Amino acid sequence: AEGGAGADGPGVGHDPDAVLRRLRELGELRSSGVLTEEEFTRAKRALLDRL
């Protein structure tokens, strides 16, 4: 879902602390089975590209 409320979520831009918080959230979603490994990897890459 490109362009939606995707991996970066609200308020996440070039703020490294916000990016780290979001990465932790994504990791928890992956661990709980909400996200697949592929979805997690894609979302993580999108976040890291913003740094």
N, C-alpha and C. Protein backbone atom coordinates (compact mmCIF):
# COMPACT_ATOMS: atom_id res chain seq x y z
N ALA A 1 0.85 -1.18 0.00
CA ALA A 1 0.00 0.00 0.00
C ALA A 1 0.88 1.22 0.00
N GLU A 2 1.38 1.56 -1.13
CA GLU A 2 2.23 2.72 -1.26
C GLU A 2 1.42 3.99 -1.10
N GLY A 3 2.02 4.99 -0.43
CA GLY A 3 1.37 6.28 -0.31
C GLY A 3 0.32 6.36 0.78
N GLY A 4 0.02 5.25 1.44
CA GLY A 4 -0.96 5.28 2.52
C GLY A 4 -0.28 5.52 3.84
N ALA A 5 -0.90 5.05 4.90
CA ALA A 5 -0.30 5.18 6.23
C ALA A 5 0.67 4.03 6.44
N GLY A 6 1.56 3.86 5.51
CA GLY A 6 2.43 2.70 5.44
C GLY A 6 3.42 2.57 6.56
N ALA A 7 4.58 2.08 6.23
CA ALA A 7 5.58 1.69 7.22
C ALA A 7 6.05 2.84 8.09
N ASP A 8 6.10 4.03 7.53
CA ASP A 8 6.66 5.11 8.30
C ASP A 8 5.70 5.69 9.31
N GLY A 9 4.42 5.54 9.12
CA GLY A 9 3.44 6.02 10.09
C GLY A 9 3.49 7.53 10.25
N PRO A 10 2.66 8.06 11.11
CA PRO A 10 2.61 9.51 11.30
C PRO A 10 3.80 10.00 12.10
N GLY A 11 4.31 11.17 11.74
CA GLY A 11 5.34 11.81 12.53
C GLY A 11 6.73 11.21 12.39
N VAL A 12 6.93 10.30 11.47
CA VAL A 12 8.26 9.72 11.29
C VAL A 12 8.85 10.29 10.02
N GLY A 13 9.96 10.97 10.18
CA GLY A 13 10.64 11.53 9.02
C GLY A 13 12.12 11.29 9.18
N HIS A 14 12.85 12.38 9.39
CA HIS A 14 14.29 12.26 9.54
C HIS A 14 14.69 12.20 11.01
N ASP A 15 13.74 12.03 11.91
CA ASP A 15 14.03 11.94 13.34
C ASP A 15 14.47 10.52 13.68
N PRO A 16 15.76 10.34 13.95
CA PRO A 16 16.26 8.97 14.21
C PRO A 16 15.55 8.29 15.37
N ASP A 17 15.20 9.02 16.41
CA ASP A 17 14.51 8.40 17.55
C ASP A 17 13.14 7.88 17.14
N ALA A 18 12.42 8.64 16.32
CA ALA A 18 11.11 8.20 15.85
C ALA A 18 11.25 6.97 14.95
N VAL A 19 12.28 6.97 14.12
CA VAL A 19 12.52 5.82 13.24
C VAL A 19 12.82 4.58 14.08
N LEU A 20 13.64 4.73 15.11
CA LEU A 20 13.96 3.58 15.97
C LEU A 20 12.73 3.07 16.69
N ARG A 21 11.89 3.98 17.17
CA ARG A 21 10.64 3.57 17.83
C ARG A 21 9.77 2.78 16.86
N ARG A 22 9.67 3.27 15.63
CA ARG A 22 8.83 2.60 14.64
C ARG A 22 9.41 1.23 14.27
N LEU A 23 10.74 1.14 14.19
CA LEU A 23 11.36 -0.15 13.90
C LEU A 23 11.05 -1.16 15.00
N ARG A 24 11.08 -0.70 16.25
CA ARG A 24 10.74 -1.60 17.36
C ARG A 24 9.29 -2.06 17.24
N GLU A 25 8.40 -1.12 16.91
CA GLU A 25 6.98 -1.48 16.74
C GLU A 25 6.82 -2.52 15.63
N LEU A 26 7.51 -2.29 14.53
CA LEU A 26 7.44 -3.23 13.41
C LEU A 26 7.97 -4.60 13.81
N GLY A 27 9.05 -4.62 14.58
CA GLY A 27 9.61 -5.88 15.06
C GLY A 27 8.62 -6.64 15.93
N GLU A 28 7.89 -5.90 16.77
CA GLU A 28 6.88 -6.54 17.61
C GLU A 28 5.74 -7.10 16.76
N LEU A 29 5.34 -6.35 15.74
CA LEU A 29 4.28 -6.82 14.85
C LEU A 29 4.72 -8.08 14.11
N ARG A 30 5.99 -8.11 13.70
CA ARG A 30 6.51 -9.31 13.03
C ARG A 30 6.54 -10.49 13.99
N SER A 31 7.01 -10.25 15.20
CA SER A 31 7.10 -11.33 16.20
C SER A 31 5.74 -11.90 16.55
N SER A 32 4.73 -11.05 16.55
CA SER A 32 3.39 -11.51 16.91
C SER A 32 2.63 -12.09 15.72
N GLY A 33 3.25 -12.05 14.53
CA GLY A 33 2.64 -12.66 13.37
C GLY A 33 1.74 -11.74 12.56
N VAL A 34 1.68 -10.47 12.96
CA VAL A 34 0.85 -9.51 12.22
C VAL A 34 1.49 -9.19 10.87
N LEU A 35 2.82 -9.05 10.87
CA LEU A 35 3.56 -8.80 9.63
C LEU A 35 4.34 -10.05 9.25
N THR A 36 4.42 -10.29 7.94
CA THR A 36 5.30 -11.36 7.46
C THR A 36 6.73 -10.83 7.45
N GLU A 37 7.68 -11.73 7.29
CA GLU A 37 9.09 -11.32 7.21
C GLU A 37 9.29 -10.37 6.03
N GLU A 38 8.63 -10.65 4.91
CA GLU A 38 8.76 -9.80 3.72
C GLU A 38 8.19 -8.41 3.99
N GLU A 39 7.03 -8.33 4.62
CA GLU A 39 6.42 -7.04 4.94
C GLU A 39 7.30 -6.25 5.90
N PHE A 40 7.85 -6.94 6.88
CA PHE A 40 8.73 -6.28 7.84
C PHE A 40 9.96 -5.72 7.14
N THR A 41 10.58 -6.53 6.29
CA THR A 41 11.79 -6.11 5.59
C THR A 41 11.52 -4.90 4.70
N ARG A 42 10.40 -4.92 4.00
CA ARG A 42 10.03 -3.81 3.13
C ARG A 42 9.82 -2.53 3.94
N ALA A 43 9.10 -2.66 5.06
CA ALA A 43 8.82 -1.50 5.90
C ALA A 43 10.10 -0.97 6.53
N LYS A 44 10.97 -1.87 6.97
CA LYS A 44 12.24 -1.47 7.57
C LYS A 44 13.10 -0.72 6.56
N ARG A 45 13.16 -1.23 5.35
CA ARG A 45 13.96 -0.58 4.31
C ARG A 45 13.43 0.83 4.03
N ALA A 46 12.11 0.97 3.97
CA ALA A 46 11.51 2.28 3.71
C ALA A 46 11.85 3.26 4.83
N LEU A 47 11.83 2.79 6.06
CA LEU A 47 12.18 3.66 7.19
C LEU A 47 13.65 4.06 7.15
N LEU A 48 14.52 3.10 6.92
CA LEU A 48 15.95 3.39 6.91
C LEU A 48 16.34 4.30 5.75
N ASP A 49 15.61 4.23 4.65
CA ASP A 49 15.88 5.11 3.52
C ASP A 49 15.60 6.57 3.86
N ARG A 50 14.78 6.82 4.89
CA ARG A 50 14.45 8.18 5.29
C ARG A 50 15.54 8.84 6.13
N LEU A 51 16.46 8.05 6.65
CA LEU A 51 17.52 8.61 7.49
C LEU A 51 18.60 9.28 6.67
